[in-house]
Amino acid sequence: MPPIDQALKELFLEIADEYGFSIPDMEVMPDHVHLIIDCSPRFGVMNCVRKLKGISSRRMRDRFPELKSKLPTLWTRSSFISSVGSVSLAVVQQYIENQKNK
């Protein structure tokens, strides 16, 4: 795993721990990230995503200056959020795992 990918995964786990939510599974793709986030309804998944994107953008660009010259921003303003309900958590985890092989 490239050092930037590993650093991002570690940072996401630190942020999740700091704000009281968990990331049971994640996969870093070339141009996006798949995450399974477990958080309280009071905090909300969108708040988790905002924290992850905001904090990681600053810290990753400080740690890896080459990101600043290659990308105007680390993340776009958009995100896709879906709840796990119509399929099992295992199915979603399998989907995320299979994405790295494509």
PDB file of N, CA and C in Angstrom:
ATOM      1  N   MET A   1       0.851  -1.179   0.000  1.00  0.00           N
ATOM      2  CA  MET A   1       0.000   0.000   0.000  1.00  0.00           C
ATOM      3  C   MET A   1       0.898   1.244   0.000  1.00  0.00           C
ATOM      4  N   PRO A   2       0.644   2.187  -0.897  1.00  0.00           N
ATOM      5  CA  PRO A   2       1.450   3.411  -0.930  1.00  0.00           C
ATOM      6  C   PRO A   2       1.368   4.167   0.395  1.00  0.00           C
ATOM      7  N   PRO A   3       2.429   4.896   0.738  1.00  0.00           N
ATOM      8  CA  PRO A   3       2.457   5.587   2.032  1.00  0.00           C
ATOM      9  C   PRO A   3       1.321   6.593   2.216  1.00  0.00           C
ATOM     10  N   ILE A   4       0.903   7.261   1.146  1.00  0.00           N
ATOM     11  CA  ILE A   4      -0.190   8.229   1.270  1.00  0.00           C
ATOM     12  C   ILE A   4      -1.486   7.496   1.616  1.00  0.00           C
ATOM     13  N   ASP A   5      -1.740   6.365   0.976  1.00  0.00           N
ATOM     14  CA  ASP A   5      -2.945   5.582   1.277  1.00  0.00           C
ATOM     15  C   ASP A   5      -2.959   5.149   2.742  1.00  0.00           C
ATOM     16  N   GLN A   6      -1.840   4.621   3.202  1.00  0.00           N
ATOM     17  CA  GLN A   6      -1.753   4.149   4.586  1.00  0.00           C
ATOM     18  C   GLN A   6      -1.910   5.311   5.564  1.00  0.00           C
ATOM     19  N   ALA A   7      -1.272   6.432   5.268  1.00  0.00           N
ATOM     20  CA  ALA A   7      -1.383   7.607   6.137  1.00  0.00           C
ATOM     21  C   ALA A   7      -2.825   8.094   6.212  1.00  0.00           C
ATOM     22  N   LEU A   8      -3.530   8.080   5.092  1.00  0.00           N
ATOM     23  CA  LEU A   8      -4.922   8.519   5.075  1.00  0.00           C
ATOM     24  C   LEU A   8      -5.790   7.585   5.916  1.00  0.00           C
ATOM     25  N   LYS A   9      -5.583   6.286   5.772  1.00  0.00           N
ATOM     26  CA  LYS A   9      -6.356   5.328   6.570  1.00  0.00           C
ATOM     27  C   LYS A   9      -6.113   5.548   8.064  1.00  0.00           C
ATOM     28  N   GLU A  10      -4.861   5.703   8.449  1.00  0.00           N
ATOM     29  CA  GLU A  10      -4.529   5.922   9.858  1.00  0.00           C
ATOM     30  C   GLU A  10      -5.146   7.220  10.364  1.00  0.00           C
ATOM     31  N   LEU A  11      -5.074   8.267   9.556  1.00  0.00           N
ATOM     32  CA  LEU A  11      -5.640   9.554   9.944  1.00  0.00           C
ATOM     33  C   LEU A  11      -7.154   9.463  10.091  1.00  0.00           C
ATOM     34  N   PHE A  12      -7.827   8.810   9.164  1.00  0.00           N
ATOM     35  CA  PHE A  12      -9.280   8.643   9.273  1.00  0.00           C
ATOM     36  C   PHE A  12      -9.644   7.937  10.579  1.00  0.00           C
ATOM     37  N   LEU A  13      -8.895   6.902  10.951  1.00  0.00           N
ATOM     38  CA  LEU A  13      -9.182   6.185  12.192  1.00  0.00           C
ATOM     39  C   LEU A  13      -8.948   7.073  13.409  1.00  0.00           C
ATOM     40  N   GLU A  14      -7.904   7.908  13.380  1.00  0.00           N
ATOM     41  CA  GLU A  14      -7.643   8.853  14.473  1.00  0.00           C
ATOM     42  C   GLU A  14      -8.788   9.855  14.610  1.00  0.00           C
ATOM     43  N   ILE A  15      -9.231  10.405  13.492  1.00  0.00           N
ATOM     44  CA  ILE A  15     -10.325  11.384  13.506  1.00  0.00           C
ATOM     45  C   ILE A  15     -11.600  10.736  14.036  1.00  0.00           C
ATOM     46  N   ALA A  16     -11.888   9.542  13.568  1.00  0.00           N
ATOM     47  CA  ALA A  16     -13.087   8.831  14.027  1.00  0.00           C
ATOM     48  C   ALA A  16     -13.036   8.619  15.536  1.00  0.00           C
ATOM     49  N   ASP A  17     -11.892   8.203  16.038  1.00  0.00           N
ATOM     50  CA  ASP A  17     -11.739   7.980  17.471  1.00  0.00           C
ATOM     51  C   ASP A  17     -11.926   9.285  18.247  1.00  0.00           C
ATOM     52  N   GLU A  18     -11.344  10.351  17.737  1.00  0.00           N
ATOM     53  CA  GLU A  18     -11.431  11.659  18.400  1.00  0.00           C
ATOM     54  C   GLU A  18     -12.876  12.160  18.481  1.00  0.00           C
ATOM     55  N   TYR A  19     -13.678  11.891  17.467  1.00  0.00           N
ATOM     56  CA  TYR A  19     -15.044  12.403  17.425  1.00  0.00           C
ATOM     57  C   TYR A  19     -16.108  11.368  17.801  1.00  0.00           C
ATOM     58  N   GLY A  20     -15.681  10.192  18.218  1.00  0.00           N
ATOM     59  CA  GLY A  20     -16.613   9.223  18.774  1.00  0.00           C
ATOM     60  C   GLY A  20     -17.428   8.417  17.780  1.00  0.00           C
ATOM     61  N   PHE A  21     -16.871   8.177  16.607  1.00  0.00           N
ATOM     62  CA  PHE A  21     -17.523   7.267  15.668  1.00  0.00           C
ATOM     63  C   PHE A  21     -16.497   6.251  15.201  1.00  0.00           C
ATOM     64  N   SER A  22     -16.931   5.245  14.478  1.00  0.00           N
ATOM     65  CA  SER A  22     -15.980   4.222  14.034  1.00  0.00           C
ATOM     66  C   SER A  22     -16.081   4.010  12.530  1.00  0.00           C
ATOM     67  N   ILE A  23     -15.008   3.478  11.981  1.00  0.00           N
ATOM     68  CA  ILE A  23     -14.936   3.130  10.562  1.00  0.00           C
ATOM     69  C   ILE A  23     -14.567   1.648  10.502  1.00  0.00           C
ATOM     70  N   PRO A  24     -15.579   0.766  10.475  1.00  0.00           N
ATOM     71  CA  PRO A  24     -15.298  -0.671  10.454  1.00  0.00           C
ATOM     72  C   PRO A  24     -14.583  -1.152   9.196  1.00  0.00           C
ATOM     73  N   ASP A  25     -14.749  -0.432   8.091  1.00  0.00           N
ATOM     74  CA  ASP A  25     -14.101  -0.854   6.849  1.00  0.00           C
ATOM     75  C   ASP A  25     -13.885   0.359   5.962  1.00  0.00           C
ATOM     76  N   MET A  26     -12.787   0.348   5.216  1.00  0.00           N
ATOM     77  CA  MET A  26     -12.520   1.422   4.255  1.00  0.00           C
ATOM     78  C   MET A  26     -11.574   0.921   3.187  1.00  0.00           C
ATOM     79  N   GLU A  27     -11.663   1.550   2.035  1.00  0.00           N
ATOM     80  CA  GLU A  27     -10.756   1.248   0.928  1.00  0.00           C
ATOM     81  C   GLU A  27     -10.446   2.548   0.199  1.00  0.00           C
ATOM     82  N   VAL A  28      -9.152   2.833   0.047  1.00  0.00           N
ATOM     83  CA  VAL A  28      -8.705   4.031  -0.663  1.00  0.00           C
ATOM     84  C   VAL A  28      -8.550   3.676  -2.133  1.00  0.00           C
ATOM     85  N   MET A  29      -9.276   4.387  -2.971  1.00  0.00           N
ATOM     86  CA  MET A  29      -9.235   4.191  -4.416  1.00  0.00           C
ATOM     87  C   MET A  29      -8.407   5.325  -5.031  1.00  0.00           C
ATOM     88  N   PRO A  30      -8.057   5.242  -6.309  1.00  0.00           N
ATOM     89  CA  PRO A  30      -7.244   6.302  -6.921  1.00  0.00           C
ATOM     90  C   PRO A  30      -7.871   7.695  -6.851  1.00  0.00           C
ATOM     91  N   ASP A  31      -9.204   7.779  -6.939  1.00  0.00           N
ATOM     92  CA  ASP A  31      -9.820   9.111  -6.951  1.00  0.00           C
ATOM     93  C   ASP A  31     -10.972   9.270  -5.965  1.00  0.00           C
ATOM     94  N   HIS A  32     -11.140   8.331  -5.048  1.00  0.00           N
ATOM     95  CA  HIS A  32     -12.167   8.444  -4.017  1.00  0.00           C
ATOM     96  C   HIS A  32     -11.904   7.406  -2.927  1.00  0.00           C
ATOM     97  N   VAL A  33     -12.719   7.441  -1.887  1.00  0.00           N
ATOM     98  CA  VAL A  33     -12.567   6.524  -0.763  1.00  0.00           C
ATOM     99  C   VAL A  33     -13.925   5.905  -0.447  1.00  0.00           C
ATOM    100  N   HIS A  34     -13.937   4.599  -0.204  1.00  0.00           N
ATOM    101  CA  HIS A  34     -15.140   3.909   0.269  1.00  0.00           C
ATOM    102  C   HIS A  34     -15.001   3.745   1.780  1.00  0.00           C
ATOM    103  N   LEU A  35     -16.038   4.121   2.522  1.00  0.00           N
ATOM    104  CA  LEU A  35     -16.017   3.995   3.978  1.00  0.00           C
ATOM    105  C   LEU A  35     -17.316   3.378   4.469  1.00  0.00           C
ATOM    106  N   ILE A  36     -17.220   2.574   5.497  1.00  0.00           N
ATOM    107  CA  ILE A  36     -18.385   2.204   6.285  1.00  0.00           C
ATOM    108  C   ILE A  36     -18.214   2.950   7.599  1.00  0.00           C
ATOM    109  N   ILE A  37     -19.171   3.816   7.909  1.00  0.00           N
ATOM    110  CA  ILE A  37     -19.103   4.647   9.108  1.00  0.00           C
ATOM    111  C   ILE A  37     -20.216   4.224  10.056  1.00  0.00           C
ATOM    112  N   ASP A  38     -19.854   4.041  11.310  1.00  0.00           N
ATOM    113  CA  ASP A  38     -20.829   3.723  12.351  1.00  0.00           C
ATOM    114  C   ASP A  38     -20.831   4.883  13.336  1.00  0.00           C
ATOM    115  N   CYS A  39     -21.939   5.625  13.359  1.00  0.00           N
ATOM    116  CA  CYS A  39     -22.007   6.785  14.249  1.00  0.00           C
ATOM    117  C   CYS A  39     -23.398   6.894  14.853  1.00  0.00           C
ATOM    118  N   SER A  40     -23.492   7.703  15.888  1.00  0.00           N
ATOM    119  CA  SER A  40     -24.797   7.909  16.518  1.00  0.00           C
ATOM    120  C   SER A  40     -25.665   8.777  15.619  1.00  0.00           C
ATOM    121  N   PRO A  41     -26.964   8.546  15.635  1.00  0.00           N
ATOM    122  CA  PRO A  41     -27.861   9.390  14.838  1.00  0.00           C
ATOM    123  C   PRO A  41     -27.782  10.865  15.243  1.00  0.00           C
ATOM    124  N   ARG A  42     -27.457  11.132  16.495  1.00  0.00           N
ATOM    125  CA  ARG A  42     -27.344  12.528  16.952  1.00  0.00           C
ATOM    126  C   ARG A  42     -26.216  13.254  16.242  1.00  0.00           C
ATOM    127  N   PHE A  43     -25.087  12.582  16.047  1.00  0.00           N
ATOM    128  CA  PHE A  43     -23.952  13.227  15.377  1.00  0.00           C
ATOM    129  C   PHE A  43     -24.174  13.246  13.872  1.00  0.00           C
ATOM    130  N   GLY A  44     -24.633  12.157  13.325  1.00  0.00           N
ATOM    131  CA  GLY A  44     -24.973  12.089  11.907  1.00  0.00           C
ATOM    132  C   GLY A  44     -23.799  11.778  11.003  1.00  0.00           C
ATOM    133  N   VAL A  45     -24.071  10.999   9.984  1.00  0.00           N
ATOM    134  CA  VAL A  45     -23.028  10.573   9.049  1.00  0.00           C
ATOM    135  C   VAL A  45     -22.429  11.769   8.309  1.00  0.00           C
ATOM    136  N   MET A  46     -23.255  12.738   7.926  1.00  0.00           N
ATOM    137  CA  MET A  46     -22.724  13.887   7.186  1.00  0.00           C
ATOM    138  C   MET A  46     -21.724  14.671   8.024  1.00  0.00           C
ATOM    139  N   ASN A  47     -21.952  14.788   9.332  1.00  0.00           N
ATOM    140  CA  ASN A  47     -20.969  15.446  10.196  1.00  0.00           C
ATOM    141  C   ASN A  47     -19.669  14.652  10.241  1.00  0.00           C
ATOM    142  N   CYS A  48     -19.773  13.329  10.256  1.00  0.00           N
ATOM    143  CA  CYS A  48     -18.570  12.489  10.218  1.00  0.00           C
ATOM    144  C   CYS A  48     -17.785  12.764   8.936  1.00  0.00           C
ATOM    145  N   VAL A  49     -18.484  12.794   7.817  1.00  0.00           N
ATOM    146  CA  VAL A  49     -17.832  13.029   6.521  1.00  0.00           C
ATOM    147  C   VAL A  49     -17.177  14.405   6.498  1.00  0.00           C
ATOM    148  N   ARG A  50     -17.865  15.421   7.017  1.00  0.00           N
ATOM    149  CA  ARG A  50     -17.284  16.774   7.057  1.00  0.00           C
ATOM    150  C   ARG A  50     -16.001  16.800   7.876  1.00  0.00           C
ATOM    151  N   LYS A  51     -16.020  16.156   9.040  1.00  0.00           N
ATOM    152  CA  LYS A  51     -14.818  16.103   9.885  1.00  0.00           C
ATOM    153  C   LYS A  51     -13.692  15.377   9.155  1.00  0.00           C
ATOM    154  N   LEU A  52     -13.996  14.224   8.573  1.00  0.00           N
ATOM    155  CA  LEU A  52     -12.969  13.452   7.872  1.00  0.00           C
ATOM    156  C   LEU A  52     -12.354  14.257   6.729  1.00  0.00           C
ATOM    157  N   LYS A  53     -13.187  14.883   5.916  1.00  0.00           N
ATOM    158  CA  LYS A  53     -12.687  15.617   4.752  1.00  0.00           C
ATOM    159  C   LYS A  53     -11.927  16.873   5.170  1.00  0.00           C
ATOM    160  N   GLY A  54     -12.477  17.632   6.116  1.00  0.00           N
ATOM    161  CA  GLY A  54     -11.843  18.883   6.525  1.00  0.00           C
ATOM    162  C   GLY A  54     -10.497  18.681   7.194  1.00  0.00           C
ATOM    163  N   ILE A  55     -10.471  17.821   8.189  1.00  0.00           N
ATOM    164  CA  ILE A  55      -9.234  17.587   8.936  1.00  0.00           C
ATOM    165  C   ILE A  55      -8.201  16.880   8.069  1.00  0.00           C
ATOM    166  N   SER A  56      -8.615  15.866   7.331  1.00  0.00           N
ATOM    167  CA  SER A  56      -7.645  15.118   6.523  1.00  0.00           C
ATOM    168  C   SER A  56      -7.063  15.974   5.409  1.00  0.00           C
ATOM    169  N   SER A  57      -7.841  16.864   4.843  1.00  0.00           N
ATOM    170  CA  SER A  57      -7.323  17.721   3.775  1.00  0.00           C
ATOM    171  C   SER A  57      -6.157  18.559   4.284  1.00  0.00           C
ATOM    172  N   ARG A  58      -6.348  19.197   5.423  1.00  0.00           N
ATOM    173  CA  ARG A  58      -5.277  20.029   5.990  1.00  0.00           C
ATOM    174  C   ARG A  58      -4.055  19.190   6.363  1.00  0.00           C
ATOM    175  N   ARG A  59      -4.288  18.135   7.113  1.00  0.00           N
ATOM    176  CA  ARG A  59      -3.160  17.345   7.627  1.00  0.00           C
ATOM    177  C   ARG A  59      -2.412  16.596   6.526  1.00  0.00           C
ATOM    178  N   MET A  60      -3.131  16.040   5.576  1.00  0.00           N
ATOM    179  CA  MET A  60      -2.463  15.298   4.499  1.00  0.00           C
ATOM    180  C   MET A  60      -1.657  16.235   3.608  1.00  0.00           C
ATOM    181  N   ARG A  61      -2.187  17.411   3.332  1.00  0.00           N
ATOM    182  CA  ARG A  61      -1.468  18.353   2.475  1.00  0.00           C
ATOM    183  C   ARG A  61      -0.250  18.926   3.199  1.00  0.00           C
ATOM    184  N   ASP A  62      -0.311  19.028   4.532  1.00  0.00           N
ATOM    185  CA  ASP A  62       0.869  19.445   5.301  1.00  0.00           C
ATOM    186  C   ASP A  62       1.916  18.336   5.318  1.00  0.00           C
ATOM    187  N   ARG A  63       1.475  17.106   5.493  1.00  0.00           N
ATOM    188  CA  ARG A  63       2.399  15.969   5.582  1.00  0.00           C
ATOM    189  C   ARG A  63       2.999  15.596   4.229  1.00  0.00           C
ATOM    190  N   PHE A  64       2.208  15.738   3.169  1.00  0.00           N
ATOM    191  CA  PHE A  64       2.654  15.395   1.819  1.00  0.00           C
ATOM    192  C   PHE A  64       2.540  16.636   0.930  1.00  0.00           C
ATOM    193  N   PRO A  65       3.542  17.521   0.964  1.00  0.00           N
ATOM    194  CA  PRO A  65       3.470  18.777   0.205  1.00  0.00           C
ATOM    195  C   PRO A  65       3.228  18.583  -1.290  1.00  0.00           C
ATOM    196  N   GLU A  66       3.606  17.433  -1.832  1.00  0.00           N
ATOM    197  CA  GLU A  66       3.385  17.193  -3.260  1.00  0.00           C
ATOM    198  C   GLU A  66       1.898  17.192  -3.612  1.00  0.00           C
ATOM    199  N   LEU A  67       1.041  16.926  -2.636  1.00  0.00           N
ATOM    200  CA  LEU A  67      -0.399  16.977  -2.887  1.00  0.00           C
ATOM    201  C   LEU A  67      -0.858  18.400  -3.200  1.00  0.00           C
ATOM    202  N   LYS A  68      -0.204  19.384  -2.588  1.00  0.00           N
ATOM    203  CA  LYS A  68      -0.580  20.784  -2.824  1.00  0.00           C
ATOM    204  C   LYS A  68      -0.335  21.188  -4.265  1.00  0.00           C
ATOM    205  N   SER A  69       0.763  20.713  -4.832  1.00  0.00           N
ATOM    206  CA  SER A  69       1.090  21.114  -6.204  1.00  0.00           C
ATOM    207  C   SER A  69       0.283  20.333  -7.246  1.00  0.00           C
ATOM    208  N   LYS A  70      -0.195  19.145  -6.882  1.00  0.00           N
ATOM    209  CA  LYS A  70      -0.942  18.317  -7.835  1.00  0.00           C
ATOM    210  C   LYS A  70      -2.444  18.581  -7.809  1.00  0.00           C
ATOM    211  N   LEU A  71      -2.951  18.985  -6.653  1.00  0.00           N
ATOM    212  CA  LEU A  71      -4.397  19.125  -6.483  1.00  0.00           C
ATOM    213  C   LEU A  71      -4.742  20.476  -5.869  1.00  0.00           C
ATOM    214  N   PRO A  72      -5.709  21.187  -6.438  1.00  0.00           N
ATOM    215  CA  PRO A  72      -6.120  22.449  -5.812  1.00  0.00           C
ATOM    216  C   PRO A  72      -6.762  22.211  -4.442  1.00  0.00           C
ATOM    217  N   THR A  73      -7.495  21.113  -4.290  1.00  0.00           N
ATOM    218  CA  THR A  73      -8.043  20.679  -3.005  1.00  0.00           C
ATOM    219  C   THR A  73      -7.948  19.162  -2.957  1.00  0.00           C
ATOM    220  N   LEU A  74      -7.892  18.629  -1.752  1.00  0.00           N
ATOM    221  CA  LEU A  74      -7.794  17.176  -1.633  1.00  0.00           C
ATOM    222  C   LEU A  74      -9.135  16.507  -1.935  1.00  0.00           C
ATOM    223  N   TRP A  75     -10.229  17.128  -1.523  1.00  0.00           N
ATOM    224  CA  TRP A  75     -11.559  16.552  -1.682  1.00  0.00           C
ATOM    225  C   TRP A  75     -12.466  17.501  -2.449  1.00  0.00           C
ATOM    226  N   THR A  76     -13.434  16.929  -3.140  1.00  0.00           N
ATOM    227  CA  THR A  76     -14.487  17.745  -3.747  1.00  0.00           C
ATOM    228  C   THR A  76     -15.542  18.025  -2.671  1.00  0.00           C
ATOM    229  N   ARG A  77     -16.472  18.888  -2.982  1.00  0.00           N
ATOM    230  CA  ARG A  77     -17.553  19.189  -2.034  1.00  0.00           C
ATOM    231  C   ARG A  77     -18.605  18.091  -2.001  1.00  0.00           C
ATOM    232  N   SER A  78     -18.597  17.228  -2.981  1.00  0.00           N
ATOM    233  CA  SER A  78     -19.646  16.207  -3.061  1.00  0.00           C
ATOM    234  C   SER A  78     -19.283  14.956  -2.269  1.00  0.00           C
ATOM    235  N   SER A  79     -20.304  14.188  -1.964  1.00  0.00           N
ATOM    236  CA  SER A  79     -20.120  12.885  -1.332  1.00  0.00           C
ATOM    237  C   SER A  79     -21.381  12.064  -1.592  1.00  0.00           C
ATOM    238  N   PHE A  80     -21.229  10.770  -1.523  1.00  0.00           N
ATOM    239  CA  PHE A  80     -22.373   9.867  -1.661  1.00  0.00           C
ATOM    240  C   PHE A  80     -22.530   9.139  -0.343  1.00  0.00           C
ATOM    241  N   ILE A  81     -23.715   9.213   0.219  1.00  0.00           N
ATOM    242  CA  ILE A  81     -23.997   8.558   1.494  1.00  0.00           C
ATOM    243  C   ILE A  81     -25.224   7.679   1.318  1.00  0.00           C
ATOM    244  N   SER A  82     -25.107   6.451   1.798  1.00  0.00           N
ATOM    245  CA  SER A  82     -26.234   5.523   1.760  1.00  0.00           C
ATOM    246  C   SER A  82     -26.208   4.708   3.043  1.00  0.00           C
ATOM    247  N   SER A  83     -27.366   4.391   3.560  1.00  0.00           N
ATOM    248  CA  SER A  83     -27.410   3.574   4.767  1.00  0.00           C
ATOM    249  C   SER A  83     -27.423   2.098   4.382  1.00  0.00           C
ATOM    250  N   VAL A  84     -26.922   1.293   5.299  1.00  0.00           N
ATOM    251  CA  VAL A  84     -26.952  -0.150   5.099  1.00  0.00           C
ATOM    252  C   VAL A  84     -28.261  -0.624   5.707  1.00  0.00           C
ATOM    253  N   GLY A  85     -29.135  -1.103   4.889  1.00  0.00           N
ATOM    254  CA  GLY A  85     -30.428  -1.552   5.383  1.00  0.00           C
ATOM    255  C   GLY A  85     -31.045  -2.566   4.445  1.00  0.00           C
ATOM    256  N   SER A  86     -31.000  -2.255   3.161  1.00  0.00           N
ATOM    257  CA  SER A  86     -31.592  -3.171   2.188  1.00  0.00           C
ATOM    258  C   SER A  86     -30.669  -4.348   1.879  1.00  0.00           C
ATOM    259  N   VAL A  87     -29.405  -4.212   2.227  1.00  0.00           N
ATOM    260  CA  VAL A  87     -28.444  -5.313   2.089  1.00  0.00           C
ATOM    261  C   VAL A  87     -27.706  -5.456   3.415  1.00  0.00           C
ATOM    262  N   SER A  88     -27.060  -6.565   3.616  1.00  0.00           N
ATOM    263  CA  SER A  88     -26.353  -6.781   4.875  1.00  0.00           C
ATOM    264  C   SER A  88     -25.022  -6.039   4.889  1.00  0.00           C
ATOM    265  N   LEU A  89     -24.535  -5.798   6.082  1.00  0.00           N
ATOM    266  CA  LEU A  89     -23.230  -5.167   6.246  1.00  0.00           C
ATOM    267  C   LEU A  89     -22.153  -5.986   5.548  1.00  0.00           C
ATOM    268  N   ALA A  90     -22.253  -7.302   5.606  1.00  0.00           N
ATOM    269  CA  ALA A  90     -21.268  -8.174   4.959  1.00  0.00           C
ATOM    270  C   ALA A  90     -21.226  -7.948   3.449  1.00  0.00           C
ATOM    271  N   VAL A  91     -22.377  -7.713   2.837  1.00  0.00           N
ATOM    272  CA  VAL A  91     -22.428  -7.462   1.392  1.00  0.00           C
ATOM    273  C   VAL A  91     -21.708  -6.160   1.063  1.00  0.00           C
ATOM    274  N   VAL A  92     -21.931  -5.126   1.867  1.00  0.00           N
ATOM    275  CA  VAL A  92     -21.266  -3.837   1.631  1.00  0.00           C
ATOM    276  C   VAL A  92     -19.762  -3.979   1.836  1.00  0.00           C
ATOM    277  N   GLN A  93     -19.354  -4.680   2.880  1.00  0.00           N
ATOM    278  CA  GLN A  93     -17.927  -4.891   3.123  1.00  0.00           C
ATOM    279  C   GLN A  93     -17.285  -5.659   1.974  1.00  0.00           C
ATOM    280  N   GLN A  94     -17.965  -6.644   1.440  1.00  0.00           N
ATOM    281  CA  GLN A  94     -17.444  -7.405   0.306  1.00  0.00           C
ATOM    282  C   GLN A  94     -17.298  -6.509  -0.915  1.00  0.00           C
ATOM    283  N   TYR A  95     -18.278  -5.634  -1.147  1.00  0.00           N
ATOM    284  CA  TYR A  95     -18.207  -4.686  -2.265  1.00  0.00           C
ATOM    285  C   TYR A  95     -16.970  -3.797  -2.125  1.00  0.00           C
ATOM    286  N   ILE A  96     -16.757  -3.248  -0.940  1.00  0.00           N
ATOM    287  CA  ILE A  96     -15.606  -2.372  -0.720  1.00  0.00           C
ATOM    288  C   ILE A  96     -14.309  -3.137  -0.950  1.00  0.00           C
ATOM    289  N   GLU A  97     -14.223  -4.333  -0.414  1.00  0.00           N
ATOM    290  CA  GLU A  97     -13.019  -5.153  -0.581  1.00  0.00           C
ATOM    291  C   GLU A  97     -12.745  -5.446  -2.050  1.00  0.00           C
ATOM    292  N   ASN A  98     -13.783  -5.731  -2.812  1.00  0.00           N
ATOM    293  CA  ASN A  98     -13.616  -6.059  -4.231  1.00  0.00           C
ATOM    294  C   ASN A  98     -13.207  -4.864  -5.074  1.00  0.00           C
ATOM    295  N   GLN A  99     -13.455  -3.651  -4.614  1.00  0.00           N
ATOM    296  CA  GLN A  99     -13.136  -2.467  -5.401  1.00  0.00           C
ATOM    297  C   GLN A  99     -11.637  -2.309  -5.634  1.00  0.00           C
ATOM    298  N   LYS A 100     -10.821  -2.716  -4.672  1.00  0.00           N
ATOM    299  CA  LYS A 100      -9.379  -2.551  -4.848  1.00  0.00           C
ATOM    300  C   LYS A 100      -8.810  -3.485  -5.912  1.00  0.00           C
ATOM    301  N   ASN A 101      -9.558  -4.519  -6.261  1.00  0.00           N
ATOM    302  CA  ASN A 101      -9.094  -5.468  -7.272  1.00  0.00           C
ATOM    303  C   ASN A 101      -9.506  -5.087  -8.685  1.00  0.00           C
ATOM    304  N   LYS A 102     -10.243  -4.009  -8.834  1.00  0.00           N
ATOM    305  CA  LYS A 102     -10.721  -3.601 -10.165  1.00  0.00           C
ATOM    306  C   LYS A 102      -9.764  -2.646 -10.824  1.00  0.00           C
TER     307      LYS A 102
END
